[in-house]
Amino acid sequence: MSVTRREFIQMLAVAGVAGMGLAGGRGVAWAANPDPYDVPAFGNLTLLHYTDCHAQLVPVYFREPNINIGVGGARGQPPHLVGEALLKHFGVAPGSLEAHAFTYLNFEEAARRYGKIGGFAHLATLVKQLRASRPGRTLLLDGGDTWQGSATALWTQGQDMVDAQKLLGVDMMTAHWEFMYGDQRVKEIVDKDLQGRIEFLAQNVYDTSFGEERVFKPYAIREVNKVPVAIIGQAFPYTPIANNRLAFPNWSFGIRDEDIQKLVNEIRAKGAQVVVLLSHNGMDVDLKMASRVTGIDAILGGHTHDAVPAPSVVRNAAGRTLVFNSGSSTKFLSVLDLDVRGGKLRDFRYKLLPIFSNLIAPDPAMAAHIDKVRAPYQQKLGEKLAVSESLLYRRGNFSGTFDQLIIDAMLDVQNAEIAFSPGFRWGSTLLPGDAITFEHVMDQTAITYATATLNELTGEQIKVILEDIADNLYHPDPYYQQGGDMVRVGGLTYTLDVKQTHGRRIQDLALRGKPLTAGRKYKVAGWASVQPNPAGTRPIWDVVAEYLRGKKVVSVEKAYVPKLKGTAGNPGFAA
């Protein structure tokens, strides 16, 4: 049974007397305020930020990872902290509601008690409340991955989310998965739907048809409460590598931090008193960029879905930059209050607010929009495929139980020896006893290039694939990390040494206990191929739905994690 807002506030009062709550840094303790959503205004400018909502219009459950391993200089540093290590670092009381929001600990019990998170109608209410308490001084920033991640977003080519953004009052946005609808569709939305309403910013996207020309505005300057504020947009730099570049064949991306430095200098010369990078780099890349590029006051980041309760303060040659990351799945809203005086940022206050849907009343206008866009698809979305007897989740460096379910379906339905499923971070969580609906399957699989494939690969090719993906994840230089988590595998077992270099990380590859043979060919099922015209006719959601309809009841108690080397004592790993 979930708690009411009144009960929740009473719990916080007790916690405050007991000395519990979020302490240290700039993350002010929830227990210090009777109502956690009543955030006192500070300074004269407020930035509200959400990111990676992945088209989740309605409330969901979302479990944070128990494996988020940092290597090199990132070892033991945010965002590579999980569970108790995260609580200790940020001073969060074990067993508190904040502990549930920021970690996987006791997830099922806490989820049943506190209820679902997010939902655009609940987010809209919170945004309106914060804007009312800060009249004329807020900007609402969307960090991208907004138009993708649900069935309705896929079936409407992102239109349901674009209309929700406008209704929410988003001021500026950047992008990543948005580009998968294709260059023409993205430009259509930017030129028609967003024109005069939402600034679509991406300094690092160039059309290479005739030389190099920026496709979108690189930045926008707004005067907010008499403070000139500049927002630079940074789209995901590795989009053509990590995703299907056939959707935008003539566009190039990249980190381009030298270009950002030029833009910062230009913007400062125009009189901007606050410069913010609205980024979809991923937090590790943001941290390195903050050390290299000067003149940025704050980086509001996304892509890696890290919910970090307090900012990282990064020193560089000309001062400091604050780096924030606001989680995913409409689960959090960042509230960054800035004190700007004498033309400079003097101080700040910050809260990363978890959005608990049973503690915030839904906004009527947004709720009506959500009902309207979902109405034509309700019967299809609501089809009950099976019941889960176990917790189904996705998030984690190596796999989640919903990933394992997809793998099991591929092996069974496609009669494969080995199965690969991409290391996506988005996708809702189901509690034991929940019905698995077609909508839940789409929450995990709704992309524009979802063809299920069956190919023959040699043992040597399989090792090369795993080595390349491991390097994207565990290269010690963040600028060589190209996004995503490790590919999920079925049929295979292997060892991964996170301290080794490319070509040496993947060891002991075996299929059902027998070493993989380099020259032998194996039947490998997969999906989300970025190759032109992959062999296959069925989308992955049909494969998974067929499997579930046949099973009726499923239980995935454990997701496969390879044997790991080099992780002893790493606070980003919890068994």
Protein backbone atom coordinates (compact mmCIF):
# COMPACT_ATOMS: atom_id res chain seq x y z
CA MET A 1 0.00 0.00 0.00
CA SER A 2 1.49 3.36 -1.02
CA VAL A 3 1.76 6.37 1.25
CA THR A 4 -0.23 9.57 0.84
CA ARG A 5 1.44 12.98 0.64
CA ARG A 6 0.28 13.76 4.18
CA GLU A 7 1.79 10.50 5.51
CA PHE A 8 4.96 11.18 3.57
CA ILE A 9 5.36 14.65 5.08
CA GLN A 10 4.84 13.16 8.56
CA MET A 11 7.55 10.62 7.82
CA LEU A 12 9.93 13.40 6.83
CA ALA A 13 9.24 15.26 10.04
CA VAL A 14 10.17 12.17 12.04
CA ALA A 15 13.27 11.71 9.90
CA GLY A 16 14.26 15.31 10.55
CA VAL A 17 14.10 14.79 14.31
CA ALA A 18 16.21 11.67 13.91
CA GLY A 19 18.83 13.57 11.93
CA MET A 20 18.17 11.68 8.71
CA GLY A 21 18.00 13.08 5.18
CA LEU A 22 20.34 14.34 2.50
CA ALA A 23 23.34 16.15 3.90
CA GLY A 24 26.48 17.77 2.59
CA GLY A 25 27.23 19.63 -0.63
CA ARG A 26 24.45 21.76 -2.07
CA GLY A 27 21.77 19.09 -1.88
CA VAL A 28 19.67 20.53 0.94
CA ALA A 29 18.05 17.88 3.16
CA TRP A 30 14.45 17.06 2.33
CA ALA A 31 13.85 16.57 6.03
CA ALA A 32 14.65 20.26 6.61
CA ASN A 33 11.39 21.19 4.85
CA PRO A 34 7.91 19.90 5.79
CA ASP A 35 7.00 19.55 2.10
CA PRO A 36 9.78 18.21 -0.16
CA TYR A 37 8.26 19.91 -3.21
CA ASP A 38 8.15 23.33 -1.53
CA VAL A 39 11.64 24.44 -2.57
CA PRO A 40 12.48 27.96 -1.31
CA ALA A 41 13.64 30.29 -4.06
CA PHE A 42 17.24 31.48 -3.97
CA GLY A 43 19.06 34.08 -6.01
CA ASN A 44 17.54 35.64 -9.11
CA LEU A 45 17.55 32.93 -11.81
CA THR A 46 16.30 29.33 -11.90
CA LEU A 47 17.03 26.56 -14.39
CA LEU A 48 14.70 23.56 -14.40
CA HIS A 49 16.07 20.49 -16.16
CA TYR A 50 14.89 17.01 -17.04
CA THR A 51 16.43 14.55 -19.46
CA ASP A 52 16.13 11.05 -20.95
CA CYS A 53 12.42 10.73 -20.22
CA HIS A 54 12.21 8.30 -23.17
CA ALA A 55 8.63 9.17 -23.97
CA GLN A 56 7.21 8.01 -20.64
CA LEU A 57 3.99 10.01 -20.49
CA VAL A 58 2.47 7.92 -17.70
CA PRO A 59 3.95 6.98 -14.30
CA VAL A 60 6.16 3.89 -14.18
CA TYR A 61 8.51 2.05 -11.85
CA PHE A 62 12.22 2.47 -12.58
CA ARG A 63 14.99 0.66 -10.72
CA GLU A 64 18.44 2.27 -10.50
CA PRO A 65 21.50 0.10 -11.29
CA ASN A 66 23.55 -2.09 -8.99
CA ILE A 67 26.43 -2.12 -11.50
CA ASN A 68 27.86 1.15 -12.84
CA ILE A 69 31.60 0.55 -12.84
CA GLY A 70 34.03 3.43 -13.21
CA VAL A 71 37.57 2.83 -14.46
CA GLY A 72 40.72 4.92 -14.39
CA GLY A 73 40.13 8.34 -12.83
CA ALA A 74 36.36 7.71 -12.74
CA ARG A 75 36.69 4.80 -10.30
CA GLY A 76 34.80 5.59 -7.10
CA GLN A 77 33.62 8.98 -8.35
CA PRO A 78 30.11 10.08 -9.26
CA PRO A 79 28.32 8.83 -11.24
CA HIS A 80 30.03 5.46 -10.69
CA LEU A 81 28.59 4.78 -7.25
CA VAL A 82 25.78 2.37 -6.52
CA GLY A 83 23.76 1.28 -3.51
CA GLU A 84 25.32 1.85 -0.10
CA ALA A 85 28.40 3.52 -1.60
CA LEU A 86 26.18 6.18 -3.17
CA LEU A 87 24.26 6.72 0.06
CA LYS A 88 27.48 7.15 2.03
CA HIS A 89 29.05 9.54 -0.49
CA PHE A 90 26.06 11.86 -0.58
CA GLY A 91 24.98 11.45 3.04
CA VAL A 92 21.63 9.85 2.24
CA ALA A 93 19.98 7.95 5.08
CA PRO A 94 19.57 4.20 4.43
CA GLY A 95 15.93 3.18 4.20
CA SER A 96 14.76 6.71 3.42
CA LEU A 97 12.66 7.72 0.46
CA GLU A 98 15.73 9.40 -1.05
CA ALA A 99 17.56 6.06 -0.78
CA HIS A 100 14.76 4.47 -2.80
CA ALA A 101 14.87 7.23 -5.40
CA PHE A 102 18.63 7.13 -5.95
CA THR A 103 19.45 3.41 -5.54
CA TYR A 104 18.25 -0.12 -6.24
CA LEU A 105 18.25 -1.08 -2.53
CA ASN A 106 15.12 -2.88 -1.28
CA PHE A 107 13.53 -1.84 -4.53
CA GLU A 108 10.44 -4.02 -4.57
CA GLU A 109 9.43 -3.27 -0.97
CA ALA A 110 10.01 0.47 -1.36
CA ALA A 111 8.29 0.63 -4.75
CA ARG A 112 5.16 -0.96 -3.35
CA ARG A 113 5.21 1.49 -0.46
CA TYR A 114 5.94 4.73 -2.30
CA GLY A 115 4.32 3.99 -5.65
CA LYS A 116 5.26 4.83 -9.20
CA ILE A 117 7.40 7.71 -10.39
CA GLY A 118 7.16 10.33 -13.10
CA GLY A 119 4.47 10.90 -15.65
CA PHE A 120 4.19 14.13 -17.62
CA ALA A 121 0.98 15.20 -15.88
CA HIS A 122 2.75 15.06 -12.50
CA LEU A 123 5.86 16.70 -13.92
CA ALA A 124 3.69 19.50 -15.31
CA THR A 125 2.17 20.19 -11.89
CA LEU A 126 5.63 20.41 -10.30
CA VAL A 127 6.95 22.69 -13.05
CA LYS A 128 3.97 25.02 -12.66
CA GLN A 129 4.42 25.07 -8.88
CA LEU A 130 8.09 25.99 -9.14
CA ARG A 131 7.44 28.64 -11.78
CA ALA A 132 4.71 30.19 -9.64
CA SER A 133 7.17 30.50 -6.75
CA ARG A 134 9.76 32.06 -9.08
CA PRO A 135 7.77 34.35 -11.41
CA GLY A 136 9.62 35.61 -14.45
CA ARG A 137 12.93 33.94 -13.58
CA THR A 138 12.83 30.34 -14.85
CA LEU A 139 13.97 28.46 -17.93
CA LEU A 140 12.84 24.86 -18.52
CA LEU A 141 15.47 22.79 -20.34
CA ASP A 142 14.97 19.36 -21.95
CA GLY A 143 18.18 17.33 -22.28
CA GLY A 144 16.96 15.06 -25.10
CA ASP A 145 15.86 11.45 -25.60
CA THR A 146 12.31 12.72 -25.27
CA TRP A 147 10.63 11.65 -28.51
CA GLN A 148 11.58 7.96 -28.26
CA GLY A 149 11.01 5.07 -25.86
CA SER A 150 7.30 4.21 -26.00
CA ALA A 151 4.84 2.68 -28.42
CA THR A 152 2.85 5.88 -28.88
CA ALA A 153 5.98 7.90 -29.58
CA LEU A 154 7.04 5.40 -32.25
CA TRP A 155 3.59 5.18 -33.82
CA THR A 156 3.14 8.98 -33.94
CA GLN A 157 6.78 9.64 -34.97
CA GLY A 158 7.30 11.58 -31.78
CA GLN A 159 4.28 13.84 -32.16
CA ASP A 160 2.74 12.86 -28.81
CA MET A 161 5.91 13.98 -27.05
CA VAL A 162 6.39 17.15 -29.08
CA ASP A 163 2.88 18.27 -28.14
CA ALA A 164 3.56 17.35 -24.49
CA GLN A 165 6.76 19.44 -24.52
CA LYS A 166 4.87 22.45 -25.80
CA LEU A 167 2.16 22.00 -23.20
CA LEU A 168 4.80 21.63 -20.48
CA GLY A 169 6.39 24.92 -21.53
CA VAL A 170 9.86 23.69 -22.48
CA ASP A 171 12.08 26.61 -23.48
CA MET A 172 15.06 24.81 -25.03
CA MET A 173 16.15 21.28 -25.85
CA THR A 174 18.93 19.20 -27.38
CA ALA A 175 18.72 15.68 -28.77
CA HIS A 176 19.91 12.13 -29.40
CA TRP A 177 17.27 9.44 -30.12
CA GLU A 178 15.16 12.18 -31.72
CA PHE A 179 17.37 11.85 -34.81
CA MET A 180 16.23 8.26 -35.39
CA TYR A 181 13.01 9.52 -36.98
CA GLY A 182 15.17 10.75 -39.84
CA ASP A 183 16.60 14.08 -40.90
CA GLN A 184 13.45 15.16 -42.74
CA ARG A 185 11.11 14.39 -39.83
CA VAL A 186 13.37 16.13 -37.31
CA LYS A 187 13.61 19.27 -39.47
CA GLU A 188 9.84 19.19 -40.02
CA ILE A 189 9.24 19.22 -36.26
CA VAL A 190 11.85 21.91 -35.62
CA ASP A 191 10.62 24.16 -38.43
CA LYS A 192 6.89 23.74 -37.83
CA ASP A 193 6.03 22.46 -34.34
CA LEU A 194 8.83 24.09 -32.34
CA GLN A 195 9.14 27.34 -34.29
CA GLY A 196 8.66 30.26 -31.93
CA ARG A 197 8.03 27.90 -29.01
CA ILE A 198 11.04 25.71 -28.23
CA GLU A 199 14.66 26.34 -29.23
CA PHE A 200 16.23 23.16 -30.69
CA LEU A 201 19.95 23.56 -30.00
CA ALA A 202 22.82 21.37 -31.26
CA GLN A 203 26.16 23.05 -31.90
CA ASN A 204 27.82 19.80 -33.00
CA VAL A 205 25.51 18.65 -35.82
CA TYR A 206 26.75 19.52 -39.32
CA ASP A 207 25.45 18.87 -42.81
CA THR A 208 28.34 17.55 -44.89
CA SER A 209 26.58 17.57 -48.26
CA PHE A 210 28.60 20.60 -49.39
CA GLY A 211 31.44 21.14 -46.95
CA GLU A 212 30.28 21.59 -43.34
CA GLU A 213 27.33 23.71 -42.29
CA ARG A 214 25.53 23.65 -38.95
CA VAL A 215 22.08 22.13 -39.20
CA PHE A 216 20.63 23.68 -36.03
CA LYS A 217 21.16 26.75 -33.89
CA PRO A 218 24.24 26.25 -31.69
CA TYR A 219 23.01 28.40 -28.82
CA ALA A 220 20.37 30.85 -27.68
CA ILE A 221 20.64 33.88 -25.42
CA ARG A 222 17.67 34.93 -23.30
CA GLU A 223 17.34 37.76 -20.83
CA VAL A 224 15.67 36.27 -17.80
CA ASN A 225 14.88 38.53 -14.85
CA LYS A 226 17.36 41.07 -16.33
CA VAL A 227 20.10 38.41 -16.49
CA PRO A 228 21.46 37.54 -19.98
CA VAL A 229 21.61 33.72 -20.04
CA ALA A 230 23.18 31.66 -22.82
CA ILE A 231 22.33 27.99 -23.43
CA ILE A 232 24.55 25.96 -25.77
CA GLY A 233 23.15 22.69 -27.13
CA GLN A 234 25.31 19.57 -27.36
CA ALA A 235 23.68 16.57 -29.08
CA PHE A 236 24.98 13.07 -28.41
CA PRO A 237 28.36 13.15 -30.18
CA TYR A 238 28.46 9.49 -31.22
CA THR A 239 24.97 9.23 -32.70
CA PRO A 240 26.17 7.98 -36.14
CA ILE A 241 28.22 5.22 -34.48
CA ALA A 242 25.86 4.12 -31.72
CA ASN A 243 22.69 4.34 -33.81
CA ASN A 244 21.34 3.96 -37.32
CA ARG A 245 23.12 6.64 -39.35
CA LEU A 246 20.97 5.79 -42.41
CA ALA A 247 18.36 8.08 -40.85
CA PHE A 248 20.64 11.12 -41.41
CA PRO A 249 23.23 10.09 -44.04
CA ASN A 250 24.74 13.55 -44.53
CA TRP A 251 25.00 14.69 -40.92
CA SER A 252 28.14 14.51 -38.81
CA PHE A 253 28.35 14.91 -35.03
CA GLY A 254 31.34 14.68 -32.67
CA ILE A 255 32.37 16.19 -29.34
CA ARG A 256 33.91 19.32 -30.88
CA ASP A 257 35.00 20.90 -27.61
CA GLU A 258 37.21 23.40 -29.47
CA ASP A 259 34.07 24.67 -31.20
CA ILE A 260 32.34 24.95 -27.83
CA GLN A 261 35.22 27.07 -26.51
CA LYS A 262 34.86 29.42 -29.49
CA LEU A 263 31.13 29.68 -28.86
CA VAL A 264 31.66 30.40 -25.15
CA ASN A 265 34.11 33.20 -26.02
CA GLU A 266 31.66 34.61 -28.57
CA ILE A 267 28.77 34.44 -26.13
CA ARG A 268 30.71 36.09 -23.31
CA ALA A 269 31.71 38.88 -25.70
CA LYS A 270 28.01 39.45 -26.38
CA GLY A 271 27.43 40.08 -22.69
CA ALA A 272 26.09 36.77 -21.39
CA GLN A 273 26.44 36.64 -17.60
CA VAL A 274 25.60 32.94 -17.29
CA VAL A 275 26.69 30.27 -19.80
CA VAL A 276 25.19 26.77 -19.60
CA LEU A 277 25.86 23.70 -21.71
CA LEU A 278 22.71 21.65 -22.26
CA SER A 279 24.43 18.36 -22.95
CA HIS A 280 23.69 14.84 -24.06
CA ASN A 281 27.32 13.75 -23.84
CA GLY A 282 27.04 11.40 -20.88
CA MET A 283 28.37 12.42 -17.50
CA ASP A 284 31.94 11.13 -17.86
CA VAL A 285 32.36 13.12 -21.08
CA ASP A 286 30.83 16.19 -19.42
CA LEU A 287 33.32 15.95 -16.56
CA LYS A 288 36.28 15.84 -18.94
CA MET A 289 34.84 18.65 -21.06
CA ALA A 290 34.41 20.79 -17.94
CA SER A 291 38.13 20.44 -17.27
CA ARG A 292 39.06 21.48 -20.83
CA VAL A 293 36.58 24.19 -21.82
CA THR A 294 36.60 27.40 -19.78
CA GLY A 295 33.83 29.90 -19.22
CA ILE A 296 30.93 27.46 -18.77
CA ASP A 297 29.15 27.97 -15.48
CA ALA A 298 27.14 24.76 -15.50
CA ILE A 299 26.67 21.62 -17.59
CA LEU A 300 23.21 20.11 -17.36
CA GLY A 301 23.79 16.64 -18.73
CA GLY A 302 22.08 13.48 -19.87
CA HIS A 303 22.47 10.27 -21.86
CA THR A 304 23.92 8.02 -19.14
CA HIS A 305 20.74 8.24 -17.02
CA ASP A 306 22.72 9.02 -13.86
CA ALA A 307 20.69 10.38 -10.96
CA VAL A 308 23.27 12.38 -8.98
CA PRO A 309 21.98 14.20 -5.88
CA ALA A 310 24.65 16.94 -5.90
CA PRO A 311 26.87 18.47 -8.60
CA SER A 312 30.48 17.68 -9.32
CA VAL A 313 32.62 20.82 -9.14
CA VAL A 314 35.31 20.69 -11.83
CA ARG A 315 38.27 23.06 -11.79
CA ASN A 316 39.73 24.30 -15.06
CA ALA A 317 42.23 26.88 -16.26
CA ALA A 318 39.87 29.81 -15.75
CA GLY A 319 37.75 28.78 -12.77
CA ARG A 320 35.16 26.08 -12.18
CA THR A 321 32.22 24.41 -13.86
CA LEU A 322 29.34 22.67 -12.10
CA VAL A 323 28.32 19.35 -13.67
CA PHE A 324 24.84 17.95 -13.10
CA ASN A 325 22.95 14.88 -14.34
CA SER A 326 19.21 14.52 -13.87
CA GLY A 327 18.41 10.81 -14.18
CA SER A 328 15.83 9.45 -16.60
CA SER A 329 12.28 8.23 -17.24
CA THR A 330 10.62 11.45 -15.98
CA LYS A 331 11.76 10.31 -12.55
CA PHE A 332 13.54 13.54 -11.58
CA LEU A 333 13.46 17.28 -12.06
CA SER A 334 16.57 19.37 -11.38
CA VAL A 335 16.06 22.74 -9.71
CA LEU A 336 19.14 24.94 -10.02
CA ASP A 337 18.78 28.36 -8.38
CA LEU A 338 21.52 30.83 -9.30
CA ASP A 339 22.58 34.09 -7.66
CA VAL A 340 23.94 36.33 -10.40
CA ARG A 341 25.33 39.67 -9.30
CA GLY A 342 27.78 42.10 -10.85
CA GLY A 343 27.66 40.21 -14.12
CA LYS A 344 28.83 36.91 -12.59
CA LEU A 345 27.50 33.76 -10.99
CA ARG A 346 28.13 34.19 -7.26
CA ASP A 347 26.35 31.26 -5.62
CA PHE A 348 23.82 28.52 -6.22
CA ARG A 349 21.42 26.08 -4.59
CA TYR A 350 20.46 22.75 -6.11
CA LYS A 351 17.91 19.99 -5.62
CA LEU A 352 17.28 16.91 -7.71
CA LEU A 353 13.61 16.24 -6.96
CA PRO A 354 12.25 12.71 -7.40
CA ILE A 355 8.76 12.87 -8.88
CA PHE A 356 6.55 10.48 -6.94
CA SER A 357 3.26 10.37 -8.80
CA ASN A 358 1.09 9.61 -5.77
CA LEU A 359 2.49 12.68 -3.97
CA ILE A 360 1.79 15.18 -6.78
CA ALA A 361 -1.64 15.79 -8.30
CA PRO A 362 -1.71 15.40 -12.11
CA ASP A 363 -2.08 18.57 -14.14
CA PRO A 364 -5.54 18.44 -15.78
CA ALA A 365 -4.48 19.84 -19.17
CA MET A 366 -1.52 17.47 -19.49
CA ALA A 367 -3.61 14.52 -18.26
CA ALA A 368 -6.21 15.29 -20.94
CA HIS A 369 -3.50 15.38 -23.61
CA ILE A 370 -2.11 12.04 -22.46
CA ASP A 371 -5.56 10.43 -22.48
CA LYS A 372 -6.21 11.79 -25.98
CA VAL A 373 -3.00 10.55 -27.59
CA ARG A 374 -3.24 7.12 -25.96
CA ALA A 375 -6.93 6.54 -26.68
CA PRO A 376 -6.55 5.15 -30.25
CA TYR A 377 -4.02 2.55 -29.06
CA GLN A 378 -5.44 1.46 -25.69
CA GLN A 379 -6.60 -1.98 -26.77
CA LYS A 380 -3.26 -2.86 -28.36
CA LEU A 381 -1.23 -1.37 -25.50
CA GLY A 382 -3.26 -3.17 -22.87
CA GLU A 383 -2.98 -6.69 -24.28
CA LYS A 384 -1.94 -8.97 -21.42
CA LEU A 385 0.82 -11.24 -22.70
CA ALA A 386 1.91 -12.99 -19.50
CA VAL A 387 2.43 -12.51 -15.77
CA SER A 388 5.86 -12.01 -14.22
CA GLU A 389 6.70 -13.82 -11.01
CA SER A 390 9.93 -11.83 -10.65
CA LEU A 391 11.19 -8.25 -10.74
CA LEU A 392 11.78 -7.19 -14.35
CA TYR A 393 14.16 -4.27 -14.89
CA ARG A 394 16.76 -3.20 -17.42
CA ARG A 395 19.29 -0.77 -15.95
CA GLY A 396 22.91 -1.91 -15.40
CA ASN A 397 26.27 -2.21 -17.16
CA PHE A 398 25.75 -5.84 -18.20
CA SER A 399 22.10 -6.80 -18.10
CA GLY A 400 18.78 -6.61 -16.37
CA THR A 401 16.09 -9.21 -15.91
CA PHE A 402 13.93 -7.66 -18.66
CA ASP A 403 16.97 -7.83 -20.95
CA GLN A 404 17.32 -11.49 -19.98
CA LEU A 405 13.68 -12.06 -20.86
CA ILE A 406 14.27 -10.57 -24.32
CA ILE A 407 17.34 -12.79 -24.74
CA ASP A 408 15.38 -15.90 -23.69
CA ALA A 409 12.66 -15.03 -26.21
CA MET A 410 15.17 -14.66 -29.04
CA LEU A 411 16.88 -17.96 -28.28
CA ASP A 412 13.57 -19.78 -28.11
CA VAL A 413 11.55 -18.24 -30.94
CA GLN A 414 14.45 -17.84 -33.39
CA ASN A 415 16.03 -21.20 -32.51
CA ALA A 416 19.45 -19.57 -32.06
CA GLU A 417 22.58 -20.79 -30.31
CA ILE A 418 23.56 -17.30 -29.15
CA ALA A 419 21.59 -14.08 -28.73
CA PHE A 420 22.69 -10.46 -28.52
CA SER A 421 20.50 -7.61 -27.26
CA PRO A 422 21.73 -4.00 -27.22
CA GLY A 423 22.80 -2.33 -23.99
CA PHE A 424 19.98 0.20 -23.85
CA ARG A 425 19.35 2.02 -20.57
CA TRP A 426 15.70 2.94 -21.04
CA GLY A 427 12.70 0.78 -20.21
CA SER A 428 10.21 0.59 -17.34
CA THR A 429 10.36 -1.84 -14.41
CA LEU A 430 7.70 -4.40 -13.43
CA LEU A 431 7.11 -5.78 -9.94
CA PRO A 432 6.50 -9.47 -9.20
CA GLY A 433 2.86 -10.30 -9.87
CA ASP A 434 2.44 -7.61 -12.53
CA ALA A 435 0.93 -8.44 -15.89
CA ILE A 436 3.32 -7.96 -18.80
CA THR A 437 1.39 -6.02 -21.42
CA PHE A 438 2.29 -5.27 -25.01
CA GLU A 439 2.99 -1.71 -23.87
CA HIS A 440 5.63 -2.96 -21.43
CA VAL A 441 7.37 -4.85 -24.23
CA MET A 442 7.32 -1.70 -26.37
CA ASP A 443 8.79 0.27 -23.47
CA GLN A 444 11.90 -1.89 -23.92
CA THR A 445 12.00 -2.15 -27.72
CA ALA A 446 10.32 0.84 -29.41
CA ILE A 447 12.90 1.99 -31.94
CA THR A 448 12.75 2.68 -35.67
CA TYR A 449 15.20 -0.11 -36.59
CA ALA A 450 13.95 -3.01 -34.49
CA THR A 451 14.21 -5.87 -37.01
CA ALA A 452 14.98 -9.21 -35.39
CA THR A 453 17.87 -10.89 -37.17
CA LEU A 454 19.47 -14.33 -37.35
CA ASN A 455 23.00 -14.51 -38.74
CA GLU A 456 25.99 -16.81 -38.76
CA LEU A 457 29.06 -15.41 -37.01
CA THR A 458 32.38 -17.06 -36.31
CA GLY A 459 33.80 -17.32 -32.83
CA GLU A 460 36.46 -14.79 -33.83
CA GLN A 461 33.82 -12.31 -35.04
CA ILE A 462 31.90 -12.68 -31.78
CA LYS A 463 35.01 -11.89 -29.74
CA VAL A 464 35.75 -8.81 -31.87
CA ILE A 465 32.19 -7.54 -31.35
CA LEU A 466 32.41 -7.97 -27.59
CA GLU A 467 35.86 -6.35 -27.43
CA ASP A 468 34.67 -3.30 -29.36
CA ILE A 469 31.63 -2.81 -27.15
CA ALA A 470 33.65 -3.32 -23.97
CA ASP A 471 36.07 -0.64 -25.16
CA ASN A 472 33.18 1.76 -25.67
CA LEU A 473 32.24 1.20 -22.04
CA TYR A 474 35.58 0.81 -20.25
CA HIS A 475 38.09 2.87 -22.20
CA PRO A 476 39.83 5.00 -19.54
CA ASP A 477 39.46 8.14 -21.67
CA PRO A 478 35.80 9.26 -21.62
CA TYR A 479 36.12 10.80 -25.08
CA TYR A 480 36.46 7.25 -26.46
CA GLN A 481 33.36 5.97 -24.68
CA GLN A 482 30.64 5.87 -27.30
CA GLY A 483 27.57 5.35 -25.19
CA GLY A 484 25.37 2.48 -24.09
CA ASP A 485 26.08 -0.39 -21.75
CA MET A 486 27.53 -3.82 -22.58
CA VAL A 487 25.61 -5.91 -25.09
CA ARG A 488 23.39 -8.43 -23.32
CA VAL A 489 24.20 -12.04 -24.23
CA GLY A 490 22.43 -15.39 -24.18
CA GLY A 491 24.00 -18.80 -24.65
CA LEU A 492 27.47 -17.39 -24.08
CA THR A 493 29.53 -17.06 -20.93
CA TYR A 494 32.73 -15.03 -20.68
CA THR A 495 35.13 -13.21 -18.40
CA LEU A 496 35.70 -9.45 -18.65
CA ASP A 497 38.77 -7.73 -17.19
CA VAL A 498 37.93 -4.03 -16.87
CA LYS A 499 41.58 -3.07 -16.27
CA GLN A 500 42.83 -4.56 -19.53
CA THR A 501 43.10 -2.78 -22.88
CA HIS A 502 41.24 -3.28 -26.15
CA GLY A 503 41.62 -6.83 -27.44
CA ARG A 504 42.47 -8.24 -24.02
CA ARG A 505 39.34 -7.59 -21.95
CA ILE A 506 37.19 -10.49 -23.19
CA GLN A 507 38.40 -13.90 -22.02
CA ASP A 508 37.18 -17.49 -21.60
CA LEU A 509 34.39 -17.32 -24.18
CA ALA A 510 32.26 -20.45 -23.99
CA LEU A 511 29.00 -21.82 -25.33
CA ARG A 512 27.22 -24.16 -22.90
CA GLY A 513 30.48 -24.86 -21.13
CA LYS A 514 32.59 -25.50 -24.24
CA PRO A 515 35.20 -22.96 -25.43
CA LEU A 516 34.13 -20.93 -28.44
CA THR A 517 36.00 -21.97 -31.60
CA ALA A 518 37.46 -19.04 -33.55
CA GLY A 519 36.76 -20.48 -36.98
CA ARG A 520 33.41 -22.14 -36.35
CA LYS A 521 30.15 -20.41 -37.35
CA TYR A 522 27.35 -19.99 -34.79
CA LYS A 523 23.68 -19.06 -35.22
CA VAL A 524 23.34 -15.65 -33.56
CA ALA A 525 20.05 -13.85 -33.01
CA GLY A 526 20.03 -10.09 -32.60
CA TRP A 527 18.13 -6.88 -33.16
CA ALA A 528 18.73 -3.13 -33.59
CA SER A 529 21.25 -3.71 -36.37
CA VAL A 530 22.72 -0.50 -37.78
CA GLN A 531 23.60 -2.23 -41.07
CA PRO A 532 21.61 -1.44 -44.24
CA ASN A 533 18.73 -3.85 -44.89
CA PRO A 534 19.42 -6.43 -42.17
CA ALA A 535 18.17 -9.92 -42.95
CA GLY A 536 14.85 -10.36 -41.15
CA THR A 537 11.18 -9.45 -41.46
CA ARG A 538 9.86 -9.29 -37.87
CA PRO A 539 10.33 -6.54 -35.31
CA ILE A 540 11.74 -7.68 -31.99
CA TRP A 541 8.53 -6.85 -30.12
CA ASP A 542 6.68 -9.51 -32.13
CA VAL A 543 9.31 -12.09 -31.18
CA VAL A 544 9.05 -11.23 -27.47
CA ALA A 545 5.24 -11.07 -27.57
CA GLU A 546 5.05 -14.52 -29.20
CA TYR A 547 7.30 -15.96 -26.52
CA LEU A 548 5.27 -14.44 -23.69
CA ARG A 549 1.92 -15.52 -25.12
CA GLY A 550 3.22 -19.08 -25.16
CA LYS A 551 4.62 -18.95 -21.63
CA LYS A 552 1.71 -17.24 -19.82
CA VAL A 553 3.84 -17.02 -16.65
CA VAL A 554 7.55 -16.09 -16.59
CA SER A 555 10.18 -15.83 -13.91
CA VAL A 556 13.66 -14.37 -14.45
CA GLU A 557 15.36 -14.44 -11.08
CA LYS A 558 18.80 -13.39 -12.26
CA ALA A 559 20.29 -11.59 -15.24
CA TYR A 560 23.54 -12.89 -16.67
CA VAL A 561 26.65 -10.98 -15.59
CA PRO A 562 30.03 -12.17 -16.86
CA LYS A 563 32.80 -13.12 -14.48
CA LEU A 564 34.53 -9.82 -13.72
CA LYS A 565 38.17 -9.07 -13.06
CA GLY A 566 39.55 -5.81 -11.75
CA THR A 567 36.40 -4.84 -9.84
CA ALA A 568 37.36 -5.83 -6.30
CA GLY A 569 36.40 -3.03 -3.95
CA ASN A 570 34.94 -0.94 -6.78
CA PRO A 571 32.01 1.11 -5.34
CA GLY A 572 30.29 0.94 -8.72
CA PHE A 573 29.73 -2.80 -8.35
CA ALA A 574 27.32 -4.55 -5.99
CA ALA A 575 26.41 -8.18 -6.46
